[in-house]
N, C-alpha and C. Protein backbone atom coordinates (compact mmCIF):
# COMPACT_ATOMS: atom_id res chain seq x y z
N MET A 1 -10.11 -8.41 -96.89
CA MET A 1 -9.06 -9.54 -96.97
C MET A 1 -9.84 -10.67 -98.18
N SER A 2 -9.14 -10.65 -99.36
CA SER A 2 -9.78 -11.50 -100.29
C SER A 2 -9.14 -12.80 -100.36
N TYR A 3 -9.68 -13.90 -100.81
CA TYR A 3 -8.95 -15.21 -100.86
C TYR A 3 -8.09 -15.24 -101.96
N ASN A 4 -7.00 -15.93 -101.60
CA ASN A 4 -5.87 -15.92 -102.59
C ASN A 4 -5.47 -17.26 -102.64
N PRO A 5 -5.81 -18.10 -103.62
CA PRO A 5 -5.49 -19.70 -103.44
C PRO A 5 -4.02 -20.03 -103.74
N ASP A 6 -3.26 -19.07 -104.33
CA ASP A 6 -1.79 -19.19 -104.27
C ASP A 6 -1.11 -18.98 -102.90
N LYS A 7 -1.67 -18.14 -102.17
CA LYS A 7 -1.09 -17.81 -100.93
C LYS A 7 -1.40 -19.16 -99.81
N ILE A 8 -2.69 -19.56 -100.05
CA ILE A 8 -2.92 -20.81 -99.28
C ILE A 8 -2.36 -22.05 -99.57
N LEU A 9 -1.97 -22.34 -101.10
CA LEU A 9 -1.31 -23.23 -101.34
C LEU A 9 0.41 -23.33 -100.81
N LYS A 10 0.85 -22.04 -100.81
CA LYS A 10 2.20 -21.93 -100.33
C LYS A 10 2.34 -22.08 -98.90
N ALA A 11 1.37 -21.65 -97.94
CA ALA A 11 1.06 -21.75 -96.64
C ALA A 11 0.95 -23.11 -96.01
N GLN A 12 0.25 -24.05 -96.90
CA GLN A 12 -0.11 -25.34 -96.58
C GLN A 12 1.20 -26.35 -96.39
N THR A 13 2.28 -25.87 -97.02
CA THR A 13 3.45 -26.71 -97.04
C THR A 13 4.26 -26.32 -96.10
N THR A 14 4.06 -25.46 -95.17
CA THR A 14 5.09 -24.88 -94.10
C THR A 14 4.75 -25.73 -92.79
N ALA A 15 5.77 -25.79 -91.90
CA ALA A 15 5.74 -26.23 -90.72
C ALA A 15 4.90 -25.56 -89.88
N ALA A 16 4.72 -24.14 -89.78
CA ALA A 16 3.92 -23.46 -89.27
C ALA A 16 2.42 -23.72 -89.34
N TRP A 17 2.09 -24.12 -90.74
CA TRP A 17 0.65 -24.37 -90.85
C TRP A 17 0.26 -25.78 -90.30
N SER A 18 1.18 -26.84 -90.57
CA SER A 18 0.96 -27.89 -89.80
C SER A 18 0.84 -27.91 -88.46
N ALA A 19 1.59 -27.13 -87.75
CA ALA A 19 1.60 -27.00 -86.10
C ALA A 19 0.07 -26.42 -85.93
N LEU A 20 -0.24 -25.30 -86.59
CA LEU A 20 -1.23 -24.52 -86.34
C LEU A 20 -2.65 -25.31 -86.45
N THR A 21 -2.55 -26.42 -87.59
CA THR A 21 -3.94 -27.01 -87.85
C THR A 21 -3.85 -28.42 -86.89
N ARG A 22 -2.80 -28.81 -86.45
CA ARG A 22 -2.77 -29.90 -85.69
C ARG A 22 -3.15 -29.47 -84.21
N ALA A 23 -2.67 -28.39 -83.88
CA ALA A 23 -3.03 -27.88 -82.41
C ALA A 23 -4.38 -27.44 -82.39
N LYS A 24 -5.23 -27.10 -83.51
CA LYS A 24 -6.63 -26.53 -83.63
C LYS A 24 -6.37 -25.15 -82.78
N LEU A 25 -5.34 -24.43 -83.23
CA LEU A 25 -5.39 -23.04 -82.72
C LEU A 25 -5.71 -21.87 -83.75
N ASP A 26 -6.16 -20.81 -83.30
CA ASP A 26 -6.28 -19.85 -84.41
C ASP A 26 -4.98 -18.79 -84.18
N ILE A 27 -4.92 -18.10 -85.40
CA ILE A 27 -3.65 -17.35 -85.68
C ILE A 27 -3.48 -16.25 -84.49
N GLY A 28 -4.50 -15.88 -83.90
CA GLY A 28 -4.49 -14.78 -83.05
C GLY A 28 -3.75 -15.31 -81.74
N THR A 29 -3.97 -16.40 -81.26
CA THR A 29 -3.47 -17.28 -80.08
C THR A 29 -2.07 -17.51 -80.57
N VAL A 30 -1.53 -17.99 -81.62
CA VAL A 30 -0.23 -18.19 -81.94
C VAL A 30 0.54 -16.90 -82.16
N ALA A 31 0.14 -15.95 -82.42
CA ALA A 31 0.58 -14.59 -82.62
C ALA A 31 1.23 -14.06 -81.27
N THR A 32 0.53 -14.60 -80.09
CA THR A 32 0.84 -14.11 -78.54
C THR A 32 2.01 -14.98 -78.23
N TRP A 33 2.51 -16.06 -78.83
CA TRP A 33 3.66 -16.86 -78.48
C TRP A 33 4.95 -16.20 -78.62
N ASP A 34 5.99 -16.60 -77.61
CA ASP A 34 7.30 -15.89 -77.73
C ASP A 34 7.99 -16.36 -79.13
N ARG A 35 8.33 -15.57 -79.85
CA ARG A 35 8.96 -15.97 -81.27
C ARG A 35 10.47 -16.43 -80.90
N ASP A 36 11.28 -16.17 -79.62
CA ASP A 36 12.43 -16.50 -79.66
C ASP A 36 12.40 -17.89 -78.97
N LEU A 37 11.36 -18.48 -78.50
CA LEU A 37 11.41 -19.77 -77.73
C LEU A 37 11.49 -21.05 -78.55
N LEU A 38 12.52 -21.65 -78.37
CA LEU A 38 12.64 -23.01 -79.22
C LEU A 38 11.41 -23.96 -79.04
N ARG A 39 10.90 -24.20 -80.29
CA ARG A 39 9.88 -25.11 -80.43
C ARG A 39 10.36 -26.35 -81.41
N GLU A 40 10.96 -27.27 -81.12
CA GLU A 40 11.21 -28.37 -81.97
C GLU A 40 10.37 -29.49 -81.48
N PRO A 41 10.21 -30.48 -82.42
CA PRO A 41 9.47 -31.73 -82.03
C PRO A 41 10.15 -32.37 -80.95
N ARG A 42 9.17 -32.78 -80.03
CA ARG A 42 9.67 -33.73 -78.82
C ARG A 42 9.09 -35.00 -78.80
N LEU A 43 9.88 -35.97 -78.18
CA LEU A 43 9.39 -37.28 -78.05
C LEU A 43 8.89 -37.23 -76.58
N LEU A 44 7.76 -37.68 -76.43
CA LEU A 44 7.27 -37.75 -74.89
C LEU A 44 7.40 -39.20 -74.48
N VAL A 45 7.89 -39.34 -73.22
CA VAL A 45 8.22 -40.82 -72.72
C VAL A 45 7.43 -40.78 -71.22
N PRO A 46 6.68 -41.93 -71.24
CA PRO A 46 6.07 -42.06 -69.92
C PRO A 46 7.02 -42.53 -68.91
N ILE A 47 6.87 -41.94 -67.67
CA ILE A 47 7.65 -42.26 -66.49
C ILE A 47 6.78 -42.67 -65.47
N ASP A 48 7.37 -43.34 -64.44
CA ASP A 48 6.67 -43.92 -63.18
C ASP A 48 7.42 -43.14 -61.92
N VAL A 49 6.42 -42.14 -61.39
CA VAL A 49 6.83 -41.28 -60.19
C VAL A 49 6.19 -41.88 -59.10
N GLN A 50 7.05 -42.30 -58.05
CA GLN A 50 6.50 -42.69 -56.68
C GLN A 50 7.13 -41.80 -55.60
N ALA A 51 5.98 -41.73 -54.81
CA ALA A 51 6.56 -40.62 -53.66
C ALA A 51 5.96 -41.30 -52.24
N PHE A 52 6.56 -41.04 -51.16
CA PHE A 52 6.46 -41.20 -49.74
C PHE A 52 5.60 -40.12 -49.40
N VAL A 53 4.29 -40.42 -49.01
CA VAL A 53 3.41 -39.31 -48.36
C VAL A 53 3.23 -39.40 -46.88
N VAL A 54 3.58 -38.30 -46.11
CA VAL A 54 3.30 -38.02 -44.87
C VAL A 54 2.20 -37.20 -44.53
N PRO A 55 0.93 -37.92 -43.97
CA PRO A 55 -0.24 -37.02 -43.99
C PRO A 55 0.01 -35.87 -42.76
N PHE A 56 -0.66 -34.79 -42.87
CA PHE A 56 -0.57 -33.80 -41.85
C PHE A 56 -0.51 -34.17 -40.49
N ALA A 57 -1.21 -35.48 -40.17
CA ALA A 57 -1.27 -35.92 -38.80
C ALA A 57 0.07 -36.59 -38.20
N GLY A 58 0.98 -36.83 -39.15
CA GLY A 58 2.42 -37.29 -38.85
C GLY A 58 2.56 -38.68 -38.89
N THR A 59 1.42 -39.49 -39.29
CA THR A 59 1.71 -40.89 -39.57
C THR A 59 1.75 -41.14 -41.07
N ALA A 60 2.86 -42.15 -41.21
CA ALA A 60 3.14 -42.52 -42.51
C ALA A 60 2.45 -43.53 -43.23
N GLU A 61 2.03 -43.22 -44.42
CA GLU A 61 1.33 -44.29 -45.12
C GLU A 61 2.13 -45.41 -45.52
N PRO A 62 1.62 -46.72 -45.59
CA PRO A 62 2.53 -47.71 -46.18
C PRO A 62 2.63 -47.71 -47.64
């Protein structure tokens, strides 16, 4: 496979190239992903999850 600067120039402006370089993945890993799975940008929002824990002994924690 020879280096083709025109191909690299075209590839660098695609969304796939951007995702690949930001994720620091190789093309072999990305090739294993499901092509039909929707992958749009997402906004991650922190949430606070609280739970009431009852230990195995049966006494509740405050």
